[in-house]
PDB file of N, CA and C in Angstrom:
ATOM      1  N   MET A   1      12.712 -40.609  41.435  1.00  0.00           N
ATOM      2  CA  MET A   1      12.336 -39.263  41.491  1.00  0.00           C
ATOM      3  C   MET A   1      12.939 -38.842  40.146  1.00  0.00           C
ATOM      4  N   THR A   2      14.113 -39.062  39.950  1.00  0.00           N
ATOM      5  CA  THR A   2      14.286 -38.245  38.633  1.00  0.00           C
ATOM      6  C   THR A   2      13.561 -38.580  37.309  1.00  0.00           C
ATOM      7  N   ASP A   3      13.113 -39.935  37.031  1.00  0.00           N
ATOM      8  CA  ASP A   3      12.317 -40.074  36.333  1.00  0.00           C
ATOM      9  C   ASP A   3      11.125 -39.285  36.113  1.00  0.00           C
ATOM     10  N   ARG A   4      10.201 -38.971  37.397  1.00  0.00           N
ATOM     11  CA  ARG A   4       9.281 -38.023  37.153  1.00  0.00           C
ATOM     12  C   ARG A   4       9.664 -36.514  36.933  1.00  0.00           C
ATOM     13  N   ARG A   5      10.743 -36.207  37.494  1.00  0.00           N
ATOM     14  CA  ARG A   5      11.300 -35.016  36.883  1.00  0.00           C
ATOM     15  C   ARG A   5      11.687 -34.948  35.368  1.00  0.00           C
ATOM     16  N   ASN A   6      12.047 -35.782  34.850  1.00  0.00           N
ATOM     17  CA  ASN A   6      12.521 -35.796  33.550  1.00  0.00           C
ATOM     18  C   ASN A   6      11.083 -35.666  32.609  1.00  0.00           C
ATOM     19  N   GLU A   7      10.079 -36.670  33.238  1.00  0.00           N
ATOM     20  CA  GLU A   7       8.631 -36.510  32.807  1.00  0.00           C
ATOM     21  C   GLU A   7       8.146 -35.296  32.490  1.00  0.00           C
ATOM     22  N   ARG A   8       8.135 -34.431  33.857  1.00  0.00           N
ATOM     23  CA  ARG A   8       7.803 -33.258  34.057  1.00  0.00           C
ATOM     24  C   ARG A   8       8.344 -32.277  32.945  1.00  0.00           C
ATOM     25  N   ASP A   9       9.786 -32.201  33.103  1.00  0.00           N
ATOM     26  CA  ASP A   9      10.507 -31.350  31.967  1.00  0.00           C
ATOM     27  C   ASP A   9      10.215 -31.576  30.612  1.00  0.00           C
ATOM     28  N   ASP A  10       9.983 -32.857  30.178  1.00  0.00           N
ATOM     29  CA  ASP A  10       9.600 -33.257  29.031  1.00  0.00           C
ATOM     30  C   ASP A  10       8.279 -32.475  28.553  1.00  0.00           C
ATOM     31  N   GLU A  11       7.081 -32.749  29.535  1.00  0.00           N
ATOM     32  CA  GLU A  11       6.100 -32.087  29.184  1.00  0.00           C
ATOM     33  C   GLU A  11       5.885 -30.833  29.629  1.00  0.00           C
ATOM     34  N   ARG A  12       6.493 -29.794  30.010  1.00  0.00           N
ATOM     35  CA  ARG A  12       7.039 -28.726  29.887  1.00  0.00           C
ATOM     36  C   ARG A  12       7.536 -27.926  28.544  1.00  0.00           C
ATOM     37  N   ARG A  13       8.413 -28.622  28.345  1.00  0.00           N
ATOM     38  CA  ARG A  13       9.032 -28.646  27.042  1.00  0.00           C
ATOM     39  C   ARG A  13       8.044 -28.533  25.817  1.00  0.00           C
ATOM     40  N   LYS A  14       7.240 -29.577  25.679  1.00  0.00           N
ATOM     41  CA  LYS A  14       6.361 -29.781  25.006  1.00  0.00           C
ATOM     42  C   LYS A  14       5.202 -28.920  24.711  1.00  0.00           C
ATOM     43  N   ARG A  15       4.806 -28.506  25.889  1.00  0.00           N
ATOM     44  CA  ARG A  15       3.681 -27.614  26.417  1.00  0.00           C
ATOM     45  C   ARG A  15       4.218 -26.208  25.705  1.00  0.00           C
ATOM     46  N   LYS A  16       5.337 -26.026  26.132  1.00  0.00           N
ATOM     47  CA  LYS A  16       6.096 -24.713  25.573  1.00  0.00           C
ATOM     48  C   LYS A  16       5.900 -24.565  24.191  1.00  0.00           C
ATOM     49  N   LYS A  17       6.376 -25.656  23.561  1.00  0.00           N
ATOM     50  CA  LYS A  17       6.617 -25.512  22.051  1.00  0.00           C
ATOM     51  C   LYS A  17       5.367 -25.406  21.661  1.00  0.00           C
ATOM     52  N   THR A  18       4.504 -26.256  21.816  1.00  0.00           N
ATOM     53  CA  THR A  18       2.883 -25.822  21.640  1.00  0.00           C
ATOM     54  C   THR A  18       2.329 -24.593  21.676  1.00  0.00           C
ATOM     55  N   GLU A  19       2.745 -23.964  22.731  1.00  0.00           N
ATOM     56  CA  GLU A  19       2.031 -22.586  22.882  1.00  0.00           C
ATOM     57  C   GLU A  19       3.020 -21.665  21.854  1.00  0.00           C
ATOM     58  N   GLU A  20       4.003 -21.952  21.535  1.00  0.00           N
ATOM     59  CA  GLU A  20       4.851 -21.212  20.898  1.00  0.00           C
ATOM     60  C   GLU A  20       4.366 -21.413  19.306  1.00  0.00           C
ATOM     61  N   GLU A  21       3.911 -22.525  19.001  1.00  0.00           N
ATOM     62  CA  GLU A  21       3.240 -22.803  17.752  1.00  0.00           C
ATOM     63  C   GLU A  21       2.062 -22.086  17.508  1.00  0.00           C
ATOM     64  N   ASP A  22       1.217 -22.194  18.721  1.00  0.00           N
ATOM     65  CA  ASP A  22      -0.011 -21.444  18.492  1.00  0.00           C
ATOM     66  C   ASP A  22      -0.061 -20.293  18.379  1.00  0.00           C
ATOM     67  N   LYS A  23       0.941 -19.499  18.910  1.00  0.00           N
ATOM     68  CA  LYS A  23       1.233 -17.962  19.177  1.00  0.00           C
ATOM     69  C   LYS A  23       1.802 -17.417  17.761  1.00  0.00           C
ATOM     70  N   SER A  24       2.469 -18.209  17.059  1.00  0.00           N
ATOM     71  CA  SER A  24       3.069 -18.100  15.606  1.00  0.00           C
ATOM     72  C   SER A  24       1.784 -18.076  14.914  1.00  0.00           C
ATOM     73  N   GLN A  25       0.916 -19.242  14.854  1.00  0.00           N
ATOM     74  CA  GLN A  25      -0.289 -19.426  13.935  1.00  0.00           C
ATOM     75  C   GLN A  25      -0.948 -18.095  14.136  1.00  0.00           C
ATOM     76  N   ARG A  26      -1.337 -17.713  15.112  1.00  0.00           N
ATOM     77  CA  ARG A  26      -2.150 -16.641  15.482  1.00  0.00           C
ATOM     78  C   ARG A  26      -1.545 -15.372  14.953  1.00  0.00           C
ATOM     79  N   GLU A  27      -0.229 -15.252  15.447  1.00  0.00           N
ATOM     80  CA  GLU A  27       0.067 -14.054  14.352  1.00  0.00           C
ATOM     81  C   GLU A  27       0.113 -14.090  12.925  1.00  0.00           C
ATOM     82  N   HIS A  28       0.294 -15.259  12.491  1.00  0.00           N
ATOM     83  CA  HIS A  28       0.236 -15.276  11.057  1.00  0.00           C
ATOM     84  C   HIS A  28      -1.075 -15.134  10.557  1.00  0.00           C
ATOM     85  N   LYS A  29      -2.125 -15.339  11.381  1.00  0.00           N
ATOM     86  CA  LYS A  29      -3.686 -15.337  10.703  1.00  0.00           C
ATOM     87  C   LYS A  29      -3.890 -13.780  10.827  1.00  0.00           C
ATOM     88  N   GLU A  30      -3.582 -13.075  12.000  1.00  0.00           N
ATOM     89  CA  GLU A  30      -3.790 -12.129  11.880  1.00  0.00           C
ATOM     90  C   GLU A  30      -2.678 -10.854  10.816  1.00  0.00           C
ATOM     91  N   ARG A  31      -1.574 -11.328  10.393  1.00  0.00           N
ATOM     92  CA  ARG A  31      -1.286 -10.577   9.356  1.00  0.00           C
ATOM     93  C   ARG A  31      -1.839 -10.877   8.284  1.00  0.00           C
ATOM     94  N   ARG A  32      -2.181 -11.936   8.150  1.00  0.00           N
ATOM     95  CA  ARG A  32      -2.954 -12.352   6.611  1.00  0.00           C
ATOM     96  C   ARG A  32      -4.123 -11.747   6.668  1.00  0.00           C
ATOM     97  N   SER A  33      -4.875 -11.438   7.769  1.00  0.00           N
ATOM     98  CA  SER A  33      -6.393 -10.559   7.852  1.00  0.00           C
ATOM     99  C   SER A  33      -6.175  -9.209   7.289  1.00  0.00           C
ATOM    100  N   ASP A  34      -5.009  -8.835   8.119  1.00  0.00           N
ATOM    101  CA  ASP A  34      -4.891  -7.401   7.699  1.00  0.00           C
ATOM    102  C   ASP A  34      -4.473  -7.017   6.431  1.00  0.00           C
ATOM    103  N   GLU A  35      -3.756  -8.148   5.663  1.00  0.00           N
ATOM    104  CA  GLU A  35      -3.426  -8.054   4.514  1.00  0.00           C
ATOM    105  C   GLU A  35      -4.410  -8.022   3.593  1.00  0.00           C
ATOM    106  N   LEU A  36      -5.599  -9.037   3.943  1.00  0.00           N
ATOM    107  CA  LEU A  36      -6.762  -8.883   3.309  1.00  0.00           C
ATOM    108  C   LEU A  36      -7.640  -7.963   3.267  1.00  0.00           C
ATOM    109  N   LYS A  37      -7.476  -7.505   4.366  1.00  0.00           N
ATOM    110  CA  LYS A  37      -8.526  -6.057   4.773  1.00  0.00           C
ATOM    111  C   LYS A  37      -7.882  -4.980   4.025  1.00  0.00           C
ATOM    112  N   GLU A  38      -6.637  -4.772   3.783  1.00  0.00           N
ATOM    113  CA  GLU A  38      -5.938  -3.748   3.067  1.00  0.00           C
ATOM    114  C   GLU A  38      -6.264  -3.953   1.607  1.00  0.00           C
ATOM    115  N   SER A  39      -6.009  -5.242   1.120  1.00  0.00           N
ATOM    116  CA  SER A  39      -6.542  -5.428  -0.396  1.00  0.00           C
ATOM    117  C   SER A  39      -8.120  -5.012  -0.595  1.00  0.00           C
ATOM    118  N   TRP A  40      -8.875  -5.509   0.100  1.00  0.00           N
ATOM    119  CA  TRP A  40     -10.162  -5.234  -0.317  1.00  0.00           C
ATOM    120  C   TRP A  40     -10.369  -3.828  -0.286  1.00  0.00           C
ATOM    121  N   ARG A  41     -10.101  -2.963   0.679  1.00  0.00           N
ATOM    122  CA  ARG A  41      -9.962  -1.540   0.716  1.00  0.00           C
ATOM    123  C   ARG A  41      -9.663  -0.971  -0.511  1.00  0.00           C
ATOM    124  N   ARG A  42      -8.370  -1.438  -0.902  1.00  0.00           N
ATOM    125  CA  ARG A  42      -7.953  -0.948  -2.206  1.00  0.00           C
ATOM    126  C   ARG A  42      -8.509  -1.486  -3.407  1.00  0.00           C
ATOM    127  N   ASN A  43      -9.237  -2.387  -3.459  1.00  0.00           N
ATOM    128  CA  ASN A  43      -9.910  -2.570  -4.429  1.00  0.00           C
ATOM    129  C   ASN A  43     -11.246  -2.434  -4.509  1.00  0.00           C
ATOM    130  N   HIS A  44     -11.730  -1.517  -3.443  1.00  0.00           N
ATOM    131  CA  HIS A  44     -13.370  -1.430  -3.160  1.00  0.00           C
ATOM    132  C   HIS A  44     -13.256  -0.074  -2.353  1.00  0.00           C
ATOM    133  N   PRO A  45     -12.828   0.948  -3.411  1.00  0.00           N
ATOM    134  CA  PRO A  45     -12.898   2.272  -2.722  1.00  0.00           C
ATOM    135  C   PRO A  45     -14.541   2.610  -2.259  1.00  0.00           C
ATOM    136  N   SER A  46     -14.439   3.618  -1.376  1.00  0.00           N
ATOM    137  CA  SER A  46     -15.721   4.330  -0.483  1.00  0.00           C
ATOM    138  C   SER A  46     -16.285   4.864  -1.833  1.00  0.00           C
ATOM    139  N   GLU A  47     -17.632   5.230  -1.538  1.00  0.00           N
ATOM    140  CA  GLU A  47     -18.560   5.674  -2.472  1.00  0.00           C
ATOM    141  C   GLU A  47     -18.184   7.174  -2.545  1.00  0.00           C
ATOM    142  N   GLN A  48     -17.254   7.899  -1.338  1.00  0.00           N
ATOM    143  CA  GLN A  48     -17.128   9.235  -1.297  1.00  0.00           C
ATOM    144  C   GLN A  48     -15.817   9.171  -2.464  1.00  0.00           C
ATOM    145  N   GLU A  49     -14.937   8.346  -2.297  1.00  0.00           N
ATOM    146  CA  GLU A  49     -13.831   8.197  -3.120  1.00  0.00           C
ATOM    147  C   GLU A  49     -14.030   8.223  -4.895  1.00  0.00           C
ATOM    148  N   ALA A  50     -15.027   7.379  -4.785  1.00  0.00           N
ATOM    149  CA  ALA A  50     -15.656   6.978  -6.101  1.00  0.00           C
ATOM    150  C   ALA A  50     -16.545   8.156  -6.576  1.00  0.00           C
ATOM    151  N   GLY A  51     -16.707   9.062  -6.180  1.00  0.00           N
ATOM    152  CA  GLY A  51     -17.419  10.349  -6.616  1.00  0.00           C
ATOM    153  C   GLY A  51     -19.184   9.889  -6.466  1.00  0.00           C
ATOM    154  N   GLY A  52     -19.483   9.037  -5.444  1.00  0.00           N
ATOM    155  CA  GLY A  52     -20.757   8.844  -4.955  1.00  0.00           C
ATOM    156  C   GLY A  52     -21.423   7.948  -5.906  1.00  0.00           C
ATOM    157  N   LYS A  53     -20.810   7.148  -6.774  1.00  0.00           N
ATOM    158  CA  LYS A  53     -21.677   6.086  -7.613  1.00  0.00           C
ATOM    159  C   LYS A  53     -20.921   4.733  -6.998  1.00  0.00           C
ATOM    160  N   GLY A  54     -22.065   3.793  -6.924  1.00  0.00           N
ATOM    161  CA  GLY A  54     -21.415   2.489  -6.727  1.00  0.00           C
ATOM    162  C   GLY A  54     -21.124   1.920  -8.206  1.00  0.00           C
ATOM    163  N   ARG A  55     -21.006   0.354  -8.021  1.00  0.00           N
ATOM    164  CA  ARG A  55     -20.692  -0.217  -9.003  1.00  0.00           C
ATOM    165  C   ARG A  55     -21.750  -0.047 -10.623  1.00  0.00           C
ATOM    166  N   PRO A  56     -21.133  -0.141 -11.743  1.00  0.00           N
ATOM    167  CA  PRO A  56     -22.027   0.272 -12.767  1.00  0.00           C
ATOM    168  C   PRO A  56     -22.837  -0.820 -12.900  1.00  0.00           C
ATOM    169  N   GLY A  57     -24.377  -0.735 -13.177  1.00  0.00           N
ATOM    170  CA  GLY A  57     -24.790  -2.033 -13.286  1.00  0.00           C
ATOM    171  C   GLY A  57     -25.620  -2.534 -12.270  1.00  0.00           C
ATOM    172  N   LYS A  58     -25.357  -1.974 -11.040  1.00  0.00           N
ATOM    173  CA  LYS A  58     -25.839  -2.296  -9.749  1.00  0.00           C
ATOM    174  C   LYS A  58     -26.945  -1.444  -9.373  1.00  0.00           C
ATOM    175  N   GLY A  59     -28.038  -1.541  -9.788  1.00  0.00           N
ATOM    176  CA  GLY A  59     -28.922  -0.719  -9.469  1.00  0.00           C
ATOM    177  C   GLY A  59     -30.600  -1.374  -9.093  1.00  0.00           C
ATOM    178  N   GLY A  60     -31.502  -0.966  -8.960  1.00  0.00           N
ATOM    179  CA  GLY A  60     -32.580  -1.427  -8.694  1.00  0.00           C
ATOM    180  C   GLY A  60     -33.484  -1.488  -9.992  1.00  0.00           C
ATOM    181  N   HIS A  61     -32.725  -2.155 -10.903  1.00  0.00           N
ATOM    182  CA  HIS A  61     -33.315  -2.169 -12.360  1.00  0.00           C
ATOM    183  C   HIS A  61     -34.490  -3.570 -12.213  1.00  0.00           C
ATOM    184  N   ARG A  62     -35.705  -3.410 -12.754  1.00  0.00           N
ATOM    185  CA  ARG A  62     -36.668  -4.295 -12.908  1.00  0.00           C
ATOM    186  C   ARG A  62     -36.877  -4.762 -14.333  1.00  0.00           C
TER     187      ARG A  62
END
C-alpha cells in the first residue's frame, strides 16, 4: 500500500516539476517575443513617424 502511495507521490512531484518548467519556458518565450516586437518597432518606425516615406531605394523602379 505504501509503495503505491510513494509511486503516486513521485509521479505527482515529477508532473508538478514538469508543469513548472513548462510554465517557466512559456513565460520566457513570451518575454523574448515582447522584446523582439519592441526592438522591431524601434528599428522600423511607422511611415507617419518617418515623414510618410519608406526606405530609400525601395520603390517600383523598373
